PDB file of all heavy atoms in Angstrom:
ATOM      1  N   ALA A   1     -13.866  52.535  61.167  1.00  0.00           N
ATOM      2  CA  ALA A   1     -13.728  52.888  59.754  1.00  0.00           C
ATOM      3  C   ALA A   1     -14.274  51.771  58.882  1.00  0.00           C
ATOM      4  O   ALA A   1     -15.020  52.009  57.920  1.00  0.00           O
ATOM      5  CB  ALA A   1     -12.267  53.167  59.418  1.00  0.00           C
ATOM      6  N   ALA A   2     -13.913  50.512  59.191  1.00  0.00           N
ATOM      7  CA  ALA A   2     -14.336  49.373  58.367  1.00  0.00           C
ATOM      8  C   ALA A   2     -15.849  49.295  58.183  1.00  0.00           C
ATOM      9  O   ALA A   2     -16.311  49.064  57.058  1.00  0.00           O
ATOM     10  CB  ALA A   2     -13.790  48.074  58.960  1.00  0.00           C
ATOM     11  N   PRO A   3     -16.674  49.473  59.232  1.00  0.00           N
ATOM     12  CA  PRO A   3     -18.117  49.354  59.012  1.00  0.00           C
ATOM     13  C   PRO A   3     -18.698  50.429  58.100  1.00  0.00           C
ATOM     14  O   PRO A   3     -19.783  50.230  57.535  1.00  0.00           O
ATOM     15  CB  PRO A   3     -18.702  49.429  60.423  1.00  0.00           C
ATOM     16  CG  PRO A   3     -17.641  50.013  61.282  1.00  0.00           C
ATOM     17  CD  PRO A   3     -16.344  49.579  60.677  1.00  0.00           C
ATOM     18  N   HIS A   4     -18.021  51.564  57.930  1.00  0.00           N
ATOM     19  CA  HIS A   4     -18.468  52.529  56.917  1.00  0.00           C
ATOM     20  C   HIS A   4     -18.443  51.874  55.537  1.00  0.00           C
ATOM     21  O   HIS A   4     -19.337  52.095  54.714  1.00  0.00           O
ATOM     22  CB  HIS A   4     -17.559  53.763  56.913  1.00  0.00           C
ATOM     23  CG  HIS A   4     -17.802  54.729  58.038  1.00  0.00           C
ATOM     24  ND1 HIS A   4     -17.283  54.541  59.298  1.00  0.00           N
ATOM     25  CD2 HIS A   4     -18.493  55.899  58.087  1.00  0.00           C
ATOM     26  CE1 HIS A   4     -17.648  55.560  60.080  1.00  0.00           C
ATOM     27  NE2 HIS A   4     -18.390  56.391  59.366  1.00  0.00           N
ATOM     28  N   VAL A   5     -17.398  51.074  55.284  1.00  0.00           N
ATOM     29  CA  VAL A   5     -17.257  50.411  53.989  1.00  0.00           C
ATOM     30  C   VAL A   5     -18.274  49.280  53.858  1.00  0.00           C
ATOM     31  O   VAL A   5     -18.956  49.150  52.840  1.00  0.00           O
ATOM     32  CB  VAL A   5     -15.825  49.877  53.811  1.00  0.00           C
ATOM     33  CG1 VAL A   5     -15.674  49.165  52.472  1.00  0.00           C
ATOM     34  CG2 VAL A   5     -14.810  51.022  53.916  1.00  0.00           C
ATOM     35  N   THR A   6     -18.395  48.453  54.906  1.00  0.00           N
ATOM     36  CA  THR A   6     -19.322  47.328  54.873  1.00  0.00           C
ATOM     37  C   THR A   6     -20.745  47.791  54.599  1.00  0.00           C
ATOM     38  O   THR A   6     -21.457  47.208  53.762  1.00  0.00           O
ATOM     39  CB  THR A   6     -19.277  46.571  56.210  1.00  0.00           C
ATOM     40  OG1 THR A   6     -17.929  46.196  56.502  1.00  0.00           O
ATOM     41  CG2 THR A   6     -20.143  45.330  56.176  1.00  0.00           C
ATOM     42  N   ALA A   7     -21.163  48.834  55.273  1.00  0.00           N
ATOM     43  CA  ALA A   7     -22.534  49.319  55.103  1.00  0.00           C
ATOM     44  C   ALA A   7     -22.736  50.017  53.768  1.00  0.00           C
ATOM     45  O   ALA A   7     -23.854  50.007  53.223  1.00  0.00           O
ATOM     46  CB  ALA A   7     -22.894  50.262  56.256  1.00  0.00           C
ATOM     47  N   THR A   8     -21.692  50.610  53.216  1.00  0.00           N
ATOM     48  CA  THR A   8     -21.806  51.205  51.885  1.00  0.00           C
ATOM     49  C   THR A   8     -22.139  50.131  50.856  1.00  0.00           C
ATOM     50  O   THR A   8     -22.873  50.381  49.891  1.00  0.00           O
ATOM     51  CB  THR A   8     -20.513  51.942  51.508  1.00  0.00           C
ATOM     52  OG1 THR A   8     -20.342  53.063  52.396  1.00  0.00           O
ATOM     53  CG2 THR A   8     -20.564  52.469  50.082  1.00  0.00           C
ATOM     54  N   VAL A   9     -21.609  48.928  51.042  1.00  0.00           N
ATOM     55  CA  VAL A   9     -21.961  47.818  50.156  1.00  0.00           C
ATOM     56  C   VAL A   9     -23.473  47.600  50.159  1.00  0.00           C
ATOM     57  O   VAL A   9     -24.075  47.343  49.103  1.00  0.00           O
ATOM     58  CB  VAL A   9     -21.223  46.532  50.576  1.00  0.00           C
ATOM     59  CG1 VAL A   9     -21.743  45.323  49.793  1.00  0.00           C
ATOM     60  CG2 VAL A   9     -19.725  46.680  50.363  1.00  0.00           C
ATOM     61  N   ALA A  10     -24.116  47.727  51.322  1.00  0.00           N
ATOM     62  CA  ALA A  10     -25.567  47.551  51.401  1.00  0.00           C
ATOM     63  C   ALA A  10     -26.298  48.596  50.576  1.00  0.00           C
ATOM     64  O   ALA A  10     -27.287  48.293  49.892  1.00  0.00           O
ATOM     65  CB  ALA A  10     -26.024  47.597  52.858  1.00  0.00           C
ATOM     66  N   LEU A  11     -25.827  49.846  50.610  1.00  0.00           N
ATOM     67  CA  LEU A  11     -26.459  50.896  49.805  1.00  0.00           C
ATOM     68  C   LEU A  11     -26.330  50.579  48.320  1.00  0.00           C
ATOM     69  O   LEU A  11     -27.303  50.687  47.553  1.00  0.00           O
ATOM     70  CB  LEU A  11     -25.806  52.247  50.097  1.00  0.00           C
ATOM     71  CG  LEU A  11     -25.846  52.756  51.536  1.00  0.00           C
ATOM     72  CD1 LEU A  11     -25.185  54.131  51.624  1.00  0.00           C
ATOM     73  CD2 LEU A  11     -27.275  52.822  52.063  1.00  0.00           C
ATOM     74  N   LEU A  12     -25.140  50.200  47.896  1.00  0.00           N
ATOM     75  CA  LEU A  12     -24.917  49.900  46.488  1.00  0.00           C
ATOM     76  C   LEU A  12     -25.715  48.685  46.043  1.00  0.00           C
ATOM     77  O   LEU A  12     -26.274  48.658  44.935  1.00  0.00           O
ATOM     78  CB  LEU A  12     -23.429  49.671  46.234  1.00  0.00           C
ATOM     79  CG  LEU A  12     -22.488  50.841  46.543  1.00  0.00           C
ATOM     80  CD1 LEU A  12     -21.048  50.450  46.256  1.00  0.00           C
ATOM     81  CD2 LEU A  12     -22.863  52.085  45.752  1.00  0.00           C
ATOM     82  N   GLN A  13     -25.775  47.672  46.906  1.00  0.00           N
ATOM     83  CA  GLN A  13     -26.490  46.461  46.534  1.00  0.00           C
ATOM     84  C   GLN A  13     -28.000  46.682  46.483  1.00  0.00           C
ATOM     85  O   GLN A  13     -28.692  46.046  45.679  1.00  0.00           O
ATOM     86  CB  GLN A  13     -26.125  45.336  47.485  1.00  0.00           C
ATOM     87  CG  GLN A  13     -24.731  44.783  47.273  1.00  0.00           C
ATOM     88  CD  GLN A  13     -24.593  44.114  45.926  1.00  0.00           C
ATOM     89  OE1 GLN A  13     -25.204  43.082  45.655  1.00  0.00           O
ATOM     90  NE2 GLN A  13     -23.791  44.698  45.043  1.00  0.00           N
ATOM     91  N   GLU A  14     -28.521  47.572  47.312  1.00  0.00           N
ATOM     92  CA  GLU A  14     -29.941  47.917  47.181  1.00  0.00           C
ATOM     93  C   GLU A  14     -30.195  48.533  45.814  1.00  0.00           C
ATOM     94  O   GLU A  14     -31.176  48.201  45.137  1.00  0.00           O
ATOM     95  CB  GLU A  14     -30.377  48.887  48.282  1.00  0.00           C
ATOM     96  CG  GLU A  14     -31.860  49.243  48.169  1.00  0.00           C
ATOM     97  CD  GLU A  14     -32.309  50.340  49.120  1.00  0.00           C
ATOM     98  OE1 GLU A  14     -31.480  50.884  49.870  1.00  0.00           O
ATOM     99  OE2 GLU A  14     -33.518  50.654  49.108  1.00  0.00           O
ATOM    100  N   TYR A  15     -29.297  49.421  45.392  1.00  0.00           N
ATOM    101  CA  TYR A  15     -29.444  50.037  44.070  1.00  0.00           C
ATOM    102  C   TYR A  15     -29.329  48.981  42.967  1.00  0.00           C
ATOM    103  O   TYR A  15     -30.139  48.959  42.032  1.00  0.00           O
ATOM    104  CB  TYR A  15     -28.375  51.108  43.868  1.00  0.00           C
ATOM    105  CG  TYR A  15     -28.373  51.671  42.467  1.00  0.00           C
ATOM    106  CD1 TYR A  15     -29.355  52.563  42.053  1.00  0.00           C
ATOM    107  CD2 TYR A  15     -27.389  51.301  41.550  1.00  0.00           C
ATOM    108  CE1 TYR A  15     -29.362  53.071  40.769  1.00  0.00           C
ATOM    109  CE2 TYR A  15     -27.387  51.800  40.265  1.00  0.00           C
ATOM    110  CZ  TYR A  15     -28.376  52.680  39.874  1.00  0.00           C
ATOM    111  OH  TYR A  15     -28.384  53.167  38.591  1.00  0.00           O
ATOM    112  N   GLY A  16     -28.329  48.094  43.087  1.00  0.00           N
ATOM    113  CA  GLY A  16     -28.163  47.062  42.082  1.00  0.00           C
ATOM    114  C   GLY A  16     -29.365  46.145  41.982  1.00  0.00           C
ATOM    115  O   GLY A  16     -29.817  45.807  40.878  1.00  0.00           O
ATOM    116  N   ASP A  17     -29.909  45.734  43.126  1.00  0.00           N
ATOM    117  CA  ASP A  17     -31.091  44.873  43.101  1.00  0.00           C
ATOM    118  C   ASP A  17     -32.298  45.600  42.508  1.00  0.00           C
ATOM    119  O   ASP A  17     -33.150  44.981  41.852  1.00  0.00           O
ATOM    120  CB  ASP A  17     -31.413  44.388  44.521  1.00  0.00           C
ATOM    121  CG  ASP A  17     -30.522  43.236  44.948  1.00  0.00           C
ATOM    122  OD1 ASP A  17     -29.593  42.878  44.191  1.00  0.00           O
ATOM    123  OD2 ASP A  17     -30.727  42.703  46.059  1.00  0.00           O
ATOM    124  N   ARG A  18     -32.360  46.903  42.736  1.00  0.00           N
ATOM    125  CA  ARG A  18     -33.447  47.687  42.144  1.00  0.00           C
ATOM    126  C   ARG A  18     -33.326  47.682  40.619  1.00  0.00           C
ATOM    127  O   ARG A  18     -34.325  47.506  39.907  1.00  0.00           O
ATOM    128  CB  ARG A  18     -33.390  49.126  42.667  1.00  0.00           C
ATOM    129  CG  ARG A  18     -34.512  50.025  42.196  1.00  0.00           C
ATOM    130  CD  ARG A  18     -34.273  51.447  42.665  1.00  0.00           C
ATOM    131  NE  ARG A  18     -34.229  51.558  44.123  1.00  0.00           N
ATOM    132  CZ  ARG A  18     -33.861  52.665  44.762  1.00  0.00           C
ATOM    133  NH1 ARG A  18     -33.485  53.748  44.072  1.00  0.00           N
ATOM    134  NH2 ARG A  18     -33.849  52.684  46.081  1.00  0.00           N
ATOM    135  N   GLN A  19     -32.108  47.840  40.121  1.00  0.00           N
ATOM    136  CA  GLN A  19     -31.894  47.811  38.678  1.00  0.00           C
ATOM    137  C   GLN A  19     -32.244  46.443  38.103  1.00  0.00           C
ATOM    138  O   GLN A  19     -32.818  46.338  37.016  1.00  0.00           O
ATOM    139  CB  GLN A  19     -30.435  48.158  38.358  1.00  0.00           C
ATOM    140  CG  GLN A  19     -30.005  49.559  38.769  1.00  0.00           C
ATOM    141  CD  GLN A  19     -30.747  50.637  38.013  1.00  0.00           C
ATOM    142  OE1 GLN A  19     -31.779  51.140  38.484  1.00  0.00           O
ATOM    143  NE2 GLN A  19     -30.244  50.994  36.843  1.00  0.00           N
ATOM    144  N   LEU A  20     -31.896  45.393  38.824  1.00  0.00           N
ATOM    145  CA  LEU A  20     -32.198  44.039  38.359  1.00  0.00           C
ATOM    146  C   LEU A  20     -33.704  43.787  38.333  1.00  0.00           C
ATOM    147  O   LEU A  20     -34.229  43.185  37.385  1.00  0.00           O
ATOM    148  CB  LEU A  20     -31.509  43.018  39.259  1.00  0.00           C
ATOM    149  CG  LEU A  20     -29.982  42.946  39.152  1.00  0.00           C
ATOM    150  CD1 LEU A  20     -29.415  42.066  40.262  1.00  0.00           C
ATOM    151  CD2 LEU A  20     -29.555  42.400  37.792  1.00  0.00           C
ATOM    152  N   SER A  21     -34.400  44.229  39.377  1.00  0.00           N
ATOM    153  CA  SER A  21     -35.843  43.989  39.438  1.00  0.00           C
ATOM    154  C   SER A  21     -36.581  44.738  38.345  1.00  0.00           C
ATOM    155  O   SER A  21     -37.630  44.287  37.865  1.00  0.00           O
ATOM    156  CB  SER A  21     -36.393  44.392  40.813  1.00  0.00           C
ATOM    157  OG  SER A  21     -36.307  45.794  41.007  1.00  0.00           O
ATOM    158  N   GLU A  22     -36.020  45.871  37.913  1.00  0.00           N
ATOM    159  CA  GLU A  22     -36.626  46.660  36.836  1.00  0.00           C
ATOM    160  C   GLU A  22     -36.114  46.239  35.467  1.00  0.00           C
ATOM    161  O   GLU A  22     -36.486  46.840  34.454  1.00  0.00           O
ATOM    162  CB  GLU A  22     -36.343  48.152  37.067  1.00  0.00           C
ATOM    163  CG  GLU A  22     -37.001  48.707  38.327  1.00  0.00           C
ATOM    164  CD  GLU A  22     -36.570  50.131  38.623  1.00  0.00           C
ATOM    165  OE1 GLU A  22     -35.712  50.670  37.877  1.00  0.00           O
ATOM    166  OE2 GLU A  22     -37.093  50.722  39.587  1.00  0.00           O
ATOM    167  N   GLN A  23     -35.241  45.222  35.462  1.00  0.00           N
ATOM    168  CA  GLN A  23     -34.679  44.680  34.216  1.00  0.00           C
ATOM    169  C   GLN A  23     -34.050  45.773  33.359  1.00  0.00           C
ATOM    170  O   GLN A  23     -34.243  45.831  32.139  1.00  0.00           O
ATOM    171  CB  GLN A  23     -35.757  43.919  33.434  1.00  0.00           C
ATOM    172  CG  GLN A  23     -36.319  42.733  34.195  1.00  0.00           C
ATOM    173  CD  GLN A  23     -37.326  41.936  33.383  1.00  0.00           C
ATOM    174  OE1 GLN A  23     -38.022  42.473  32.520  1.00  0.00           O
ATOM    175  NE2 GLN A  23     -37.419  40.643  33.646  1.00  0.00           N
ATOM    176  N   GLN A  24     -33.282  46.615  34.023  1.00  0.00           N
ATOM    177  CA  GLN A  24     -32.601  47.686  33.318  1.00  0.00           C
ATOM    178  C   GLN A  24     -31.498  47.111  32.428  1.00  0.00           C
ATOM    179  O   GLN A  24     -30.814  46.163  32.807  1.00  0.00           O
ATOM    180  CB  GLN A  24     -31.998  48.676  34.312  1.00  0.00           C
ATOM    181  CG  GLN A  24     -33.011  49.437  35.135  1.00  0.00           C
ATOM    182  CD  GLN A  24     -33.783  50.445  34.314  1.00  0.00           C
ATOM    183  OE1 GLN A  24     -33.368  50.838  33.230  1.00  0.00           O
ATOM    184  NE2 GLN A  24     -34.932  50.873  34.827  1.00  0.00           N
ATOM    185  N   PRO A  25     -31.300  47.664  31.237  1.00  0.00           N
ATOM    186  CA  PRO A  25     -30.208  47.182  30.372  1.00  0.00           C
ATOM    187  C   PRO A  25     -28.857  47.464  31.016  1.00  0.00           C
ATOM    188  O   PRO A  25     -28.682  48.462  31.714  1.00  0.00           O
ATOM    189  CB  PRO A  25     -30.402  47.991  29.082  1.00  0.00           C
ATOM    190  CG  PRO A  25     -31.200  49.200  29.489  1.00  0.00           C
ATOM    191  CD  PRO A  25     -32.072  48.758  30.613  1.00  0.00           C
ATOM    192  N   GLY A  26     -27.908  46.562  30.780  1.00  0.00           N
ATOM    193  CA  GLY A  26     -26.582  46.733  31.348  1.00  0.00           C
ATOM    194  C   GLY A  26     -26.459  46.217  32.765  1.00  0.00           C
ATOM    195  O   GLY A  26     -25.466  46.488  33.439  1.00  0.00           O
ATOM    196  N   TRP A  27     -27.470  45.447  33.228  1.00  0.00           N
ATOM    197  CA  TRP A  27     -27.430  44.918  34.593  1.00  0.00           C
ATOM    198  C   TRP A  27     -27.703  43.431  34.568  1.00  0.00           C
ATOM    199  O   TRP A  27     -28.660  42.963  33.933  1.00  0.00           O
ATOM    200  CB  TRP A  27     -28.441  45.638  35.488  1.00  0.00           C
ATOM    201  CG  TRP A  27     -28.005  47.033  35.762  1.00  0.00           C
ATOM    202  CD1 TRP A  27     -28.221  48.130  34.983  1.00  0.00           C
ATOM    203  CD2 TRP A  27     -27.196  47.471  36.845  1.00  0.00           C
ATOM    204  NE1 TRP A  27     -27.613  49.232  35.523  1.00  0.00           N
ATOM    205  CE2 TRP A  27     -26.967  48.856  36.677  1.00  0.00           C
ATOM    206  CE3 TRP A  27     -26.650  46.829  37.947  1.00  0.00           C
ATOM    207  CZ2 TRP A  27     -26.214  49.607  37.571  1.00  0.00           C
ATOM    208  CZ3 TRP A  27     -25.897  47.577  38.854  1.00  0.00           C
ATOM    209  CH2 TRP A  27     -25.686  48.951  38.656  1.00  0.00           C
ATOM    210  N   SER A  28     -26.853  42.679  35.260  1.00  0.00           N
ATOM    211  CA  SER A  28     -27.012  41.240  35.392  1.00  0.00           C
ATOM    212  C   SER A  28     -26.692  40.853  36.826  1.00  0.00           C
ATOM    213  O   SER A  28     -26.305  41.708  37.640  1.00  0.00           O
ATOM    214  CB  SER A  28     -26.077  40.504  34.426  1.00  0.00           C
ATOM    215  OG  SER A  28     -24.732  40.579  34.889  1.00  0.00           O
ATOM    216  N   LEU A  29     -26.793  39.574  37.151  1.00  0.00           N
ATOM    217  CA  LEU A  29     -26.462  39.117  38.498  1.00  0.00           C
ATOM    218  C   LEU A  29     -24.996  39.318  38.831  1.00  0.00           C
ATOM    219  O   LEU A  29     -24.596  39.199  39.999  1.00  0.00           O
ATOM    220  CB  LEU A  29     -26.838  37.645  38.661  1.00  0.00           C
ATOM    221  CG  LEU A  29     -28.349  37.353  38.709  1.00  0.00           C
ATOM    222  CD1 LEU A  29     -28.589  35.846  38.780  1.00  0.00           C
ATOM    223  CD2 LEU A  29     -28.995  38.051  39.893  1.00  0.00           C
ATOM    224  N   ASP A  30     -24.177  39.653  37.834  1.00  0.00           N
ATOM    225  CA  ASP A  30     -22.782  39.998  38.114  1.00  0.00           C
ATOM    226  C   ASP A  30     -22.682  41.191  39.050  1.00  0.00           C
ATOM    227  O   ASP A  30     -21.663  41.373  39.731  1.00  0.00           O
ATOM    228  CB  ASP A  30     -22.032  40.311  36.817  1.00  0.00           C
ATOM    229  CG  ASP A  30     -21.828  39.087  35.948  1.00  0.00           C
ATOM    230  OD1 ASP A  30     -21.904  37.960  36.474  1.00  0.00           O
ATOM    231  OD2 ASP A  30     -21.591  39.255  34.734  1.00  0.00           O
ATOM    232  N   ALA A  31     -23.721  42.026  39.109  1.00  0.00           N
ATOM    233  CA  ALA A  31     -23.724  43.188  40.004  1.00  0.00           C
ATOM    234  C   ALA A  31     -23.630  42.771  41.465  1.00  0.00           C
ATOM    235  O   ALA A  31     -23.254  43.580  42.320  1.00  0.00           O
ATOM    236  CB  ALA A  31     -24.986  44.020  39.781  1.00  0.00           C
ATOM    237  N   ARG A  32     -23.952  41.516  41.766  1.00  0.00           N
ATOM    238  CA  ARG A  32     -23.880  41.034  43.147  1.00  0.00           C
ATOM    239  C   ARG A  32     -22.524  40.414  43.475  1.00  0.00           C
ATOM    240  O   ARG A  32     -22.301  40.018  44.627  1.00  0.00           O
ATOM    241  CB  ARG A  32     -24.979  39.997  43.389  1.00  0.00           C
ATOM    242  CG  ARG A  32     -26.384  40.576  43.312  1.00  0.00           C
ATOM    243  CD  ARG A  32     -27.431  39.501  43.533  1.00  0.00           C
ATOM    244  NE  ARG A  32     -28.782  40.064  43.514  1.00  0.00           N
ATOM    245  CZ  ARG A  32     -29.893  39.332  43.551  1.00  0.00           C
ATOM    246  NH1 ARG A  32     -29.804  38.004  43.623  1.00  0.00           N
ATOM    247  NH2 ARG A  32     -31.076  39.906  43.521  1.00  0.00           N
ATOM    248  N   ARG A  33     -21.636  40.345  42.532  1.00  0.00           N
ATOM    249  CA  ARG A  33     -20.326  39.743  42.782  1.00  0.00           C
ATOM    250  C   ARG A  33     -19.502  40.612  43.732  1.00  0.00           C
ATOM    251  O   ARG A  33     -19.445  41.843  43.589  1.00  0.00           O
ATOM    252  CB  ARG A  33     -19.561  39.562  41.485  1.00  0.00           C
ATOM    253  CG  ARG A  33     -20.133  38.556  40.515  1.00  0.00           C
ATOM    254  CD  ARG A  33     -20.159  37.158  41.067  1.00  0.00           C
ATOM    255  NE  ARG A  33     -18.875  36.731  41.638  1.00  0.00           N
ATOM    256  CZ  ARG A  33     -18.669  35.541  42.202  1.00  0.00           C
ATOM    257  NH1 ARG A  33     -19.666  34.674  42.297  1.00  0.00           N
ATOM    258  NH2 ARG A  33     -17.480  35.226  42.694  1.00  0.00           N
ATOM    259  N   HIS A  34     -18.849  39.948  44.691  1.00  0.00           N
ATOM    260  CA  HIS A  34     -18.028  40.691  45.645  1.00  0.00           C
ATOM    261  C   HIS A  34     -16.832  41.348  44.957  1.00  0.00           C
ATOM    262  O   HIS A  34     -16.378  42.417  45.379  1.00  0.00           O
ATOM    263  CB  HIS A  34     -17.555  39.767  46.772  1.00  0.00           C
ATOM    264  CG  HIS A  34     -16.625  38.690  46.325  1.00  0.00           C
ATOM    265  ND1 HIS A  34     -17.046  37.510  45.754  1.00  0.00           N
ATOM    266  CD2 HIS A  34     -15.272  38.620  46.353  1.00  0.00           C
ATOM    267  CE1 HIS A  34     -16.003  36.756  45.462  1.00  0.00           C
ATOM    268  NE2 HIS A  34     -14.915  37.404  45.819  1.00  0.00           N
ATOM    269  N   GLU A  35     -16.324  40.736  43.882  1.00  0.00           N
ATOM    270  CA  GLU A  35     -15.211  41.356  43.164  1.00  0.00           C
ATOM    271  C   GLU A  35     -15.639  42.686  42.532  1.00  0.00           C
ATOM    272  O   GLU A  35     -14.852  43.634  42.485  1.00  0.00           O
ATOM    273  CB  GLU A  35     -14.689  40.426  42.059  1.00  0.00           C
ATOM    274  CG  GLU A  35     -14.159  39.087  42.547  1.00  0.00           C
ATOM    275  CD  GLU A  35     -15.185  37.980  42.385  1.00  0.00           C
ATOM    276  OE1 GLU A  35     -16.390  38.249  42.591  1.00  0.00           O
ATOM    277  OE2 GLU A  35     -14.787  36.845  42.059  1.00  0.00           O
ATOM    278  N   VAL A  36     -16.885  42.746  42.053  1.00  0.00           N
ATOM    279  CA  VAL A  36     -17.395  43.994  41.474  1.00  0.00           C
ATOM    280  C   VAL A  36     -17.473  45.073  42.543  1.00  0.00           C
ATOM    281  O   VAL A  36     -17.064  46.223  42.326  1.00  0.00           O
ATOM    282  CB  VAL A  36     -18.758  43.769  40.808  1.00  0.00           C
ATOM    283  CG1 VAL A  36     -19.406  45.097  40.413  1.00  0.00           C
ATOM    284  CG2 VAL A  36     -18.612  42.868  39.589  1.00  0.00           C
ATOM    285  N   MET A  37     -17.994  44.709  43.723  1.00  0.00           N
ATOM    286  CA  MET A  37     -18.064  45.684  44.801  1.00  0.00           C
ATOM    287  C   MET A  37     -16.675  46.198  45.169  1.00  0.00           C
ATOM    288  O   MET A  37     -16.466  47.401  45.381  1.00  0.00           O
ATOM    289  CB  MET A  37     -18.727  45.063  46.038  1.00  0.00           C
ATOM    290  CG  MET A  37     -20.225  44.923  45.957  1.00  0.00           C
ATOM    291  SD  MET A  37     -21.104  46.524  45.979  1.00  0.00           S
ATOM    292  CE  MET A  37     -21.217  46.886  44.223  1.00  0.00           C
ATOM    293  N   LYS A  38     -15.724  45.304  45.247  1.00  0.00           N
ATOM    294  CA  LYS A  38     -14.366  45.707  45.606  1.00  0.00           C
ATOM    295  C   LYS A  38     -13.784  46.655  44.565  1.00  0.00           C
ATOM    296  O   LYS A  38     -13.213  47.701  44.912  1.00  0.00           O
ATOM    297  CB  LYS A  38     -13.489  44.461  45.753  1.00  0.00           C
ATOM    298  CG  LYS A  38     -12.061  44.740  46.206  1.00  0.00           C
ATOM    299  CD  LYS A  38     -11.313  43.427  46.416  1.00  0.00           C
ATOM    300  CE  LYS A  38      -9.854  43.658  46.793  1.00  0.00           C
ATOM    301  NZ  LYS A  38      -9.126  42.379  47.006  1.00  0.00           N
ATOM    302  N   ALA A  39     -13.936  46.322  43.289  1.00  0.00           N
ATOM    303  CA  ALA A  39     -13.405  47.180  42.221  1.00  0.00           C
ATOM    304  C   ALA A  39     -14.077  48.543  42.220  1.00  0.00           C
ATOM    305  O   ALA A  39     -13.424  49.581  42.045  1.00  0.00           O
ATOM    306  CB  ALA A  39     -13.576  46.493  40.867  1.00  0.00           C
ATOM    307  N   VAL A  40     -15.399  48.564  42.416  1.00  0.00           N
ATOM    308  CA  VAL A  40     -16.145  49.825  42.434  1.00  0.00           C
ATOM    309  C   VAL A  40     -15.700  50.712  43.592  1.00  0.00           C
ATOM    310  O   VAL A  40     -15.473  51.928  43.422  1.00  0.00           O
ATOM    311  CB  VAL A  40     -17.658  49.527  42.509  1.00  0.00           C
ATOM    312  CG1 VAL A  40     -18.446  50.757  42.949  1.00  0.00           C
ATOM    313  CG2 VAL A  40     -18.162  49.025  41.163  1.00  0.00           C
ATOM    314  N   LEU A  41     -15.565  50.141  44.777  1.00  0.00           N
ATOM    315  CA  LEU A  41     -15.155  50.923  45.945  1.00  0.00           C
ATOM    316  C   LEU A  41     -13.738  51.461  45.784  1.00  0.00           C
ATOM    317  O   LEU A  41     -13.457  52.626  46.115  1.00  0.00           O
ATOM    318  CB  LEU A  41     -15.260  50.063  47.203  1.00  0.00           C
ATOM    319  CG  LEU A  41     -16.677  49.669  47.628  1.00  0.00           C
ATOM    320  CD1 LEU A  41     -16.631  48.561  48.671  1.00  0.00           C
ATOM    321  CD2 LEU A  41     -17.446  50.871  48.154  1.00  0.00           C
ATOM    322  N   LEU A  42     -12.839  50.624  45.298  1.00  0.00           N
ATOM    323  CA  LEU A  42     -11.453  51.065  45.111  1.00  0.00           C
ATOM    324  C   LEU A  42     -11.359  52.159  44.061  1.00  0.00           C
ATOM    325  O   LEU A  42     -10.634  53.147  44.228  1.00  0.00           O
ATOM    326  CB  LEU A  42     -10.578  49.884  44.701  1.00  0.00           C
ATOM    327  CG  LEU A  42     -10.316  48.797  45.744  1.00  0.00           C
ATOM    328  CD1 LEU A  42      -9.573  47.634  45.107  1.00  0.00           C
ATOM    329  CD2 LEU A  42      -9.522  49.350  46.927  1.00  0.00           C
TER     330      LEU A  42
END
């Protein structure tokens, strides 16, 4: 069960890095914070 969660972080972080590379508004390096991932998943 745990690796389903771990790998989901990779999917979300790919999306976040894509938003950062495109300099989308509302996105900063805070998107890479582990606390953000935890809050989003919960």
